Protein backbone atom coordinates (compact mmCIF):
# COMPACT_ATOMS: atom_id res chain seq x y z
CA UNK A 1 -11.14 17.13 -6.05
CA UNK A 2 -14.24 14.94 -6.04
CA UNK A 3 -13.68 11.89 -3.79
CA UNK A 4 -15.01 9.41 -6.35
CA UNK A 5 -12.64 10.77 -8.99
CA UNK A 6 -9.75 10.41 -6.55
CA UNK A 7 -10.73 6.79 -5.89
CA UNK A 8 -11.11 5.95 -9.57
CA UNK A 9 -7.81 7.53 -10.64
CA UNK A 10 -5.48 6.57 -7.80
CA UNK A 11 -3.10 4.44 -9.82
CA UNK A 12 0.00 2.77 -8.38
CA UNK A 13 2.76 5.28 -9.07
CA UNK A 14 6.21 3.98 -9.98
CA UNK A 15 7.86 7.09 -11.47
CA UNK A 16 8.42 10.10 -9.22
CA UNK A 17 9.79 13.60 -9.54
CA UNK A 18 12.62 14.69 -7.27
CA UNK A 19 10.44 17.44 -5.79
CA UNK A 20 10.44 17.67 -2.02
CA UNK A 21 7.21 16.81 -0.24
CA UNK A 22 6.75 19.55 2.34
CA UNK A 23 6.14 18.67 5.99
CA UNK A 24 2.75 20.40 6.04
CA UNK A 25 1.61 18.27 3.09
CA UNK A 26 2.70 15.09 4.84
CA UNK A 27 0.92 16.24 7.98
CA UNK A 28 -2.38 16.61 6.10
CA UNK A 29 -1.97 13.15 4.58
CA UNK A 30 -1.32 11.51 7.94
CA UNK A 31 -4.07 13.51 9.57
CA UNK A 32 -6.57 11.96 7.17
CA UNK A 33 -5.16 8.49 7.86
CA UNK A 34 -5.91 8.63 11.60
CA UNK A 35 -9.66 8.98 11.04
CA UNK A 36 -9.97 5.49 9.57
CA UNK A 37 -12.23 2.93 11.28
CA UNK A 38 -10.52 0.59 13.72
CA UNK A 39 -11.70 -1.95 16.28
CA UNK A 40 -12.58 -0.56 19.69
CA UNK A 41 -11.05 2.80 18.71
CA UNK A 42 -7.71 1.32 19.83
CA UNK A 43 -5.94 3.08 16.93
CA UNK A 44 -3.06 0.61 16.49
CA UNK A 45 -1.47 2.20 13.39
CA UNK A 46 1.81 4.11 13.42
CA UNK A 47 3.65 5.74 10.50
CA UNK A 48 7.34 6.47 9.93
CA UNK A 49 8.18 8.87 7.09
CA UNK A 50 11.64 7.97 5.79
CA UNK A 51 13.47 10.57 3.68
CA UNK A 52 17.11 9.93 4.58
CA UNK A 53 19.00 8.79 1.47
CA UNK A 54 21.14 6.17 3.23
CA UNK A 55 18.13 4.66 4.99
CA UNK A 56 16.14 4.52 1.76
CA UNK A 57 19.01 2.73 0.02
CA UNK A 58 19.09 0.19 2.82
CA UNK A 59 15.36 -0.42 2.43
CA UNK A 60 15.86 -0.75 -1.34
CA UNK A 61 18.57 -3.35 -0.83
CA UNK A 62 16.30 -5.33 1.49
CA UNK A 63 13.42 -5.10 -0.97
CA UNK A 64 15.18 -6.14 -4.17
CA UNK A 65 15.82 -9.86 -3.45
CA UNK A 66 12.16 -10.44 -2.67
CA UNK A 67 11.09 -8.55 -5.77
CA UNK A 68 13.44 -10.65 -7.89
CA UNK A 69 11.97 -13.84 -6.40
CA UNK A 70 8.47 -12.51 -7.09
CA UNK A 71 9.15 -11.76 -10.75
CA UNK A 72 10.84 -15.14 -11.13
CA UNK A 73 7.65 -16.76 -9.83
CA UNK A 74 5.65 -14.80 -12.41
CA UNK A 75 7.94 -15.94 -15.23
CA UNK A 76 7.61 -19.56 -14.08
CA UNK A 77 3.83 -19.30 -13.87
CA UNK A 78 3.89 -19.91 -10.10
CA UNK A 79 2.45 -16.46 -9.32
CA UNK A 80 -0.62 -15.20 -11.16
CA UNK A 81 -0.84 -11.53 -12.06
CA UNK A 82 -3.23 -9.75 -14.40
CA UNK A 83 -0.52 -7.57 -15.87
CA UNK A 84 0.98 -6.75 -19.22
CA UNK A 85 4.72 -6.85 -19.76
CA UNK A 86 4.95 -3.03 -19.67
CA UNK A 87 3.52 -3.01 -16.15
CA UNK A 88 6.18 -5.46 -15.02
CA UNK A 89 8.87 -3.30 -16.61
CA UNK A 90 7.52 -0.32 -14.68
CA UNK A 91 7.54 -2.37 -11.47
CA UNK A 92 11.14 -3.43 -12.10
CA UNK A 93 12.13 0.21 -12.54
CA UNK A 94 10.34 1.04 -9.30
CA UNK A 95 12.19 -1.69 -7.40
CA UNK A 96 15.60 -0.67 -8.74
CA UNK A 97 14.96 2.99 -7.94
CA UNK A 98 13.06 2.66 -4.67
CA UNK A 99 15.68 4.75 -2.88
CA UNK A 100 15.04 7.74 -5.16
CA UNK A 101 11.39 8.13 -4.15
CA UNK A 102 11.04 11.27 -1.99
CA UNK A 103 9.32 9.52 0.93
CA UNK A 104 8.99 5.90 1.99
CA UNK A 105 6.29 5.53 4.61
CA UNK A 106 6.70 2.52 6.87
CA UNK A 107 3.29 1.49 8.18
CA UNK A 108 3.36 -0.17 11.60
CA UNK A 109 0.79 -1.57 13.97
CA UNK A 110 0.62 -2.35 17.68
CA UNK A 111 -0.52 -5.97 17.51
CA UNK A 112 -1.96 -6.08 21.02
CA UNK A 113 -4.48 -3.49 19.81
CA UNK A 114 -5.53 -5.55 16.80
CA UNK A 115 -8.35 -8.05 17.39
CA UNK A 116 -8.64 -10.72 14.65
CA UNK A 117 -11.87 -12.72 14.95
CA UNK A 118 -10.89 -15.34 12.39
CA UNK A 119 -7.63 -16.70 13.80
CA UNK A 120 -9.17 -20.04 14.81
CA UNK A 121 -10.49 -20.95 11.36
CA UNK A 122 -7.36 -22.83 10.30
CA UNK A 123 -6.45 -20.39 7.55
CA UNK A 124 -4.55 -17.15 7.08
CA UNK A 125 -6.17 -14.37 9.08
CA UNK A 126 -7.82 -11.70 6.97
CA UNK A 127 -9.53 -9.82 9.78
CA UNK A 128 -6.20 -8.99 11.39
CA UNK A 129 -5.67 -6.16 8.92
CA UNK A 130 -9.12 -4.61 9.37
CA UNK A 131 -7.86 -2.09 11.91
CA UNK A 132 -4.73 -1.29 9.91
CA UNK A 133 -5.32 -1.06 6.17
CA UNK A 134 -8.31 1.33 6.23
CA UNK A 135 -5.85 3.90 7.62
CA UNK A 136 -3.50 3.12 4.74
CA UNK A 137 -6.31 3.63 2.23
CA UNK A 138 -7.17 6.97 3.84
CA UNK A 139 -3.52 7.94 3.47
CA UNK A 140 -3.47 6.93 -0.21
CA UNK A 141 -6.60 8.94 -0.98
CA UNK A 142 -5.44 11.98 0.98
CA UNK A 143 -2.16 11.84 -0.94
CA UNK A 144 -4.11 11.72 -4.22
CA UNK A 145 -6.07 14.80 -3.17
CA UNK A 146 -2.70 16.54 -2.64
CA UNK A 147 -1.53 15.56 -6.12
CA UNK A 148 0.86 12.94 -4.75
CA UNK A 149 1.43 9.52 -6.24
CA UNK A 150 1.70 6.42 -4.06
CA UNK A 151 2.54 2.73 -4.27
CA UNK A 152 1.68 0.18 -1.59
CA UNK A 153 3.90 -2.84 -1.02
CA UNK A 154 4.22 -5.49 1.68
CA UNK A 155 7.35 -7.26 0.43
CA UNK A 156 9.59 -5.54 2.96
CA UNK A 157 7.58 -7.15 5.77
CA UNK A 158 9.65 -10.26 5.00
CA UNK A 159 12.55 -8.38 6.57
CA UNK A 160 10.71 -7.04 9.59
CA UNK A 161 13.53 -7.69 12.11
CA UNK A 162 16.04 -5.75 10.00
CA UNK A 163 13.58 -2.95 9.26
CA UNK A 164 12.74 -2.65 12.94
CA UNK A 165 16.41 -2.47 13.87
CA UNK A 166 17.10 0.08 11.13
CA UNK A 167 14.29 2.40 12.21
CA UNK A 168 14.32 1.83 15.96
CA UNK A 169 10.84 0.29 15.97
CA UNK A 170 9.87 -1.03 19.45
CA UNK A 171 9.49 -4.75 20.10
CA UNK A 172 5.69 -4.59 20.47
CA UNK A 173 5.22 -2.81 17.14
CA UNK A 174 5.03 -4.76 13.86
CA UNK A 175 5.43 -3.68 10.25
CA UNK A 176 2.34 -3.90 8.05
CA UNK A 177 3.27 -2.21 4.75
CA UNK A 178 5.50 0.29 3.02
CA UNK A 179 4.11 3.13 0.91
CA UNK A 180 6.14 5.25 -1.48
CA UNK A 181 4.99 8.84 -1.77
CA UNK A 182 5.94 11.75 -4.02
CA UNK A 183 4.89 13.87 -6.95
CA UNK A 184 4.38 11.68 -10.05
CA UNK A 185 6.26 12.15 -13.31
CA UNK A 186 3.18 11.14 -15.30
CA UNK A 187 -0.41 12.40 -15.19
CA UNK A 188 -2.98 10.40 -13.27
CA UNK A 189 -5.39 8.39 -15.46
CA UNK A 190 -9.03 9.40 -15.62
CA UNK A 191 -10.20 5.98 -14.47
CA UNK A 192 -8.49 2.71 -13.54
CA UNK A 193 -9.36 -0.58 -15.23
CA UNK A 194 -11.19 -2.96 -12.91
CA UNK A 195 -13.30 -6.10 -13.31
CA UNK A 196 -17.03 -5.45 -13.89
CA UNK A 197 -19.33 -5.26 -10.87
CA UNK A 198 -21.28 -8.29 -12.10
CA UNK A 199 -18.24 -10.46 -11.33
CA UNK A 200 -17.81 -9.29 -7.74
CA UNK A 201 -21.16 -8.08 -6.38
CA UNK A 202 -23.98 -10.53 -5.64
CA UNK A 203 -27.49 -10.49 -4.17
CA UNK A 204 -28.53 -12.69 -1.23
CA UNK A 205 -26.26 -15.61 -2.24
CA UNK A 206 -22.77 -15.81 -3.74
CA UNK A 207 -23.04 -15.89 -7.53
CA UNK A 208 -26.59 -14.50 -7.76
CA UNK A 209 -26.64 -11.26 -9.75
CA UNK A 210 -27.75 -7.99 -8.22
CA UNK A 211 -30.26 -6.22 -10.42
CA UNK A 212 -29.15 -2.95 -11.96
CA UNK A 213 -25.49 -3.95 -12.22
CA UNK A 214 -23.98 -3.98 -15.68
CA UNK A 215 -22.16 -7.09 -16.89
């Protein structure tokens, strides 16, 4: 598959088949993930592939309260999302059936190997994820190339202590995300809907248009 087509069609998947994801397929997906850029080549990212039914149900039960709070915030107008009602219905189905997804990948990071350069700016650090989430994106794209659907969530990071205890994660390792992975029930779209480049790409100064970009 052409890489650009994989990028443009890699939709968040919320409906999965029951089909088993073979170990060799998972190995190829994780192999691609480890080649992502990371500061100082310290390679802080670790992955746990969870397929045990009881463990997945426990993760689902930890996830649901935070998802319910999130949707409540949307209904109250406290959380802004650019979504139609159908998308929220799909997300609700996903939350309720999280335990049925073939694989839940728990993404972890060794924090002592992450070097945020913006932690003294008096705001939430963004740079802290720069050595972590490129590996996640590599994993998502490699999964797409294998015909696998994925969904990335960080809600379970609220329950990091319980997740770490459940999965035997060492004290010096932190959770960074959870990714569901499996063969999708529905076909991938040809291209995702995104804001036009003219709203997000600028020349020389913020807000100044770059020539050649369509509005």
